[in-house]
Amino acid sequence: MADGAKKVVLAVDDMSEVLISINEILGDIYDVRLIKKAALALDMLNKEKVDLVLLDIEMPEMSGVDILRNIRNNRALKKLPVMFITSNTNRLIVQQAVNLGISGYIGKPFATDTLRAKVAEVLEAAQ
């Protein structure tokens, strides 16, 4: 970016340990925002510019697939890159995500290098 601003990455997961880990891995490269609740994430997406969403599938109030569906049904957010970071490997759920236009999928636990590489790859492709 010409103005030197960091890309904004929103991480949405109900587990604090995962959010802390993502922040430790990506925080020196990106402007990382951490949110534990789906409703707060959707609210933030409607108010602030985000370049990438990292999303857990299994959350208490609303699943990651439901959040993704909300994003894809919102004209302003329709093309926003979204990646799942999850331990869920259910093929039906993964296929649902693919059908909704997921940008990537990383299994938990994730390696630092893998997370950094996939995030950089998705952000590069989105430009």
Protein backbone atom coordinates (compact mmCIF):
# COMPACT_ATOMS: atom_id res chain seq x y z
CA MET A 1 0.00 0.00 0.00
CA ALA A 2 1.29 3.40 -0.94
CA ASP A 3 0.27 5.03 2.33
CA GLY A 4 2.04 2.39 4.43
CA ALA A 5 -1.13 1.33 6.23
CA LYS A 6 -1.24 -2.28 7.30
CA LYS A 7 -3.92 -4.59 5.90
CA VAL A 8 -6.70 -5.24 8.42
CA VAL A 9 -7.26 -8.89 9.35
CA LEU A 10 -10.29 -9.72 11.48
CA ALA A 11 -9.99 -12.98 13.44
CA VAL A 12 -13.26 -14.41 14.77
CA ASP A 13 -13.05 -17.33 17.20
CA ASP A 14 -14.76 -18.07 20.52
CA MET A 15 -11.50 -19.35 22.03
CA SER A 16 -9.18 -16.68 23.45
CA GLU A 17 -6.10 -18.91 23.08
CA VAL A 18 -6.63 -19.13 19.31
CA LEU A 19 -7.12 -15.37 18.98
CA ILE A 20 -3.98 -14.69 21.02
CA SER A 21 -2.01 -17.12 18.87
CA ILE A 22 -3.25 -15.51 15.63
CA ASN A 23 -2.34 -12.07 16.98
CA GLU A 24 1.15 -13.25 17.98
CA ILE A 25 1.74 -14.75 14.52
CA LEU A 26 0.23 -11.98 12.36
CA GLY A 27 0.29 -8.87 14.56
CA ASP A 28 3.70 -7.63 13.44
CA ILE A 29 2.65 -7.80 9.76
CA TYR A 30 -1.04 -6.84 9.80
CA ASP A 31 -3.50 -4.75 11.81
CA VAL A 32 -5.16 -7.71 13.55
CA ARG A 33 -8.59 -7.28 15.14
CA LEU A 34 -9.80 -10.01 17.50
CA ILE A 35 -13.47 -10.77 18.13
CA LYS A 36 -15.06 -13.66 20.05
CA LYS A 37 -18.72 -13.19 19.08
CA ALA A 38 -20.29 -13.52 15.64
CA ALA A 39 -22.72 -10.62 16.10
CA LEU A 40 -19.87 -8.26 17.03
CA ALA A 41 -17.89 -9.41 14.00
CA LEU A 42 -20.79 -8.73 11.63
CA ASP A 43 -21.34 -5.34 13.25
CA MET A 44 -17.67 -4.42 12.81
CA LEU A 45 -17.70 -5.55 9.17
CA ASN A 46 -20.57 -3.15 8.49
CA LYS A 47 -18.70 -0.23 10.07
CA GLU A 48 -15.01 -0.67 9.28
CA LYS A 49 -12.91 -1.67 6.28
CA VAL A 50 -11.46 -5.16 6.68
CA ASP A 51 -9.16 -6.82 4.14
CA LEU A 52 -9.52 -10.44 5.31
CA VAL A 53 -11.62 -12.42 7.79
CA LEU A 54 -10.23 -15.49 9.57
CA LEU A 55 -13.19 -17.44 10.83
CA ASP A 56 -13.77 -20.45 13.07
CA ILE A 57 -16.56 -22.78 11.95
CA GLU A 58 -17.76 -23.91 15.37
CA MET A 59 -18.94 -21.06 17.56
CA PRO A 60 -21.77 -20.94 20.11
CA GLU A 61 -24.19 -18.30 18.80
CA MET A 62 -23.71 -18.52 15.04
CA SER A 63 -21.54 -20.90 13.03
CA GLY A 64 -18.76 -19.71 10.78
CA VAL A 65 -20.78 -20.93 7.81
CA ASP A 66 -23.69 -18.71 8.93
CA ILE A 67 -21.35 -15.73 9.28
CA LEU A 68 -19.93 -16.45 5.83
CA ARG A 69 -23.47 -16.64 4.42
CA ASN A 70 -24.23 -13.22 5.98
CA ILE A 71 -21.07 -11.77 4.43
CA ARG A 72 -21.85 -13.18 0.98
CA ASN A 73 -25.44 -11.87 1.13
CA ASN A 74 -24.22 -8.34 1.92
CA ARG A 75 -23.62 -6.39 -1.29
CA ALA A 76 -20.82 -4.31 0.27
CA LEU A 77 -18.99 -7.36 1.66
CA LYS A 78 -19.75 -9.93 -1.04
CA LYS A 79 -16.16 -10.07 -2.35
CA LEU A 80 -14.42 -9.87 1.04
CA PRO A 81 -11.87 -12.70 1.39
CA VAL A 82 -12.79 -15.13 4.18
CA MET A 83 -10.66 -18.06 5.37
CA PHE A 84 -11.71 -20.75 7.80
CA ILE A 85 -9.33 -21.64 10.60
CA THR A 86 -10.88 -24.65 12.25
CA SER A 87 -10.45 -28.15 13.59
CA ASN A 88 -13.69 -29.16 11.85
CA THR A 89 -12.98 -31.41 8.89
CA ASN A 90 -16.58 -32.38 8.11
CA ARG A 91 -16.62 -32.62 4.32
CA LEU A 92 -20.21 -31.40 4.03
CA ILE A 93 -19.41 -28.24 5.99
CA VAL A 94 -16.21 -27.66 4.02
CA GLN A 95 -18.17 -28.13 0.78
CA GLN A 96 -20.80 -25.66 1.98
CA ALA A 97 -18.01 -23.15 2.61
CA VAL A 98 -16.52 -23.76 -0.82
CA ASN A 99 -19.94 -23.23 -2.40
CA LEU A 100 -20.23 -19.90 -0.55
CA GLY A 101 -16.86 -18.76 -1.88
CA ILE A 102 -14.39 -19.39 0.93
CA SER A 103 -10.88 -18.09 0.13
CA GLY A 104 -9.00 -20.74 2.08
CA TYR A 105 -9.02 -23.29 4.87
CA ILE A 106 -6.42 -23.89 7.59
CA GLY A 107 -6.72 -26.72 10.08
CA LYS A 108 -6.10 -26.32 13.81
CA PRO A 109 -3.58 -26.54 15.23
CA PHE A 110 -1.83 -24.42 12.62
CA ALA A 111 1.85 -23.71 12.08
CA THR A 112 3.15 -20.14 12.09
CA ASP A 113 4.62 -20.43 8.59
CA THR A 114 1.43 -21.94 7.18
CA LEU A 115 -0.80 -19.22 8.61
CA ARG A 116 1.48 -16.40 7.44
CA ALA A 117 1.84 -17.89 3.95
CA LYS A 118 -1.89 -18.54 3.43
CA VAL A 119 -2.89 -15.09 4.68
CA ALA A 120 -0.33 -13.41 2.42
CA GLU A 121 -1.48 -15.54 -0.52
CA VAL A 122 -5.17 -14.69 -0.05
CA LEU A 123 -4.48 -10.97 0.43
CA GLU A 124 -2.28 -10.91 -2.67
CA ALA A 125 -4.96 -12.65 -4.74
CA ALA A 126 -7.59 -10.17 -3.52
CA GLN A 127 -5.75 -7.10 -4.83
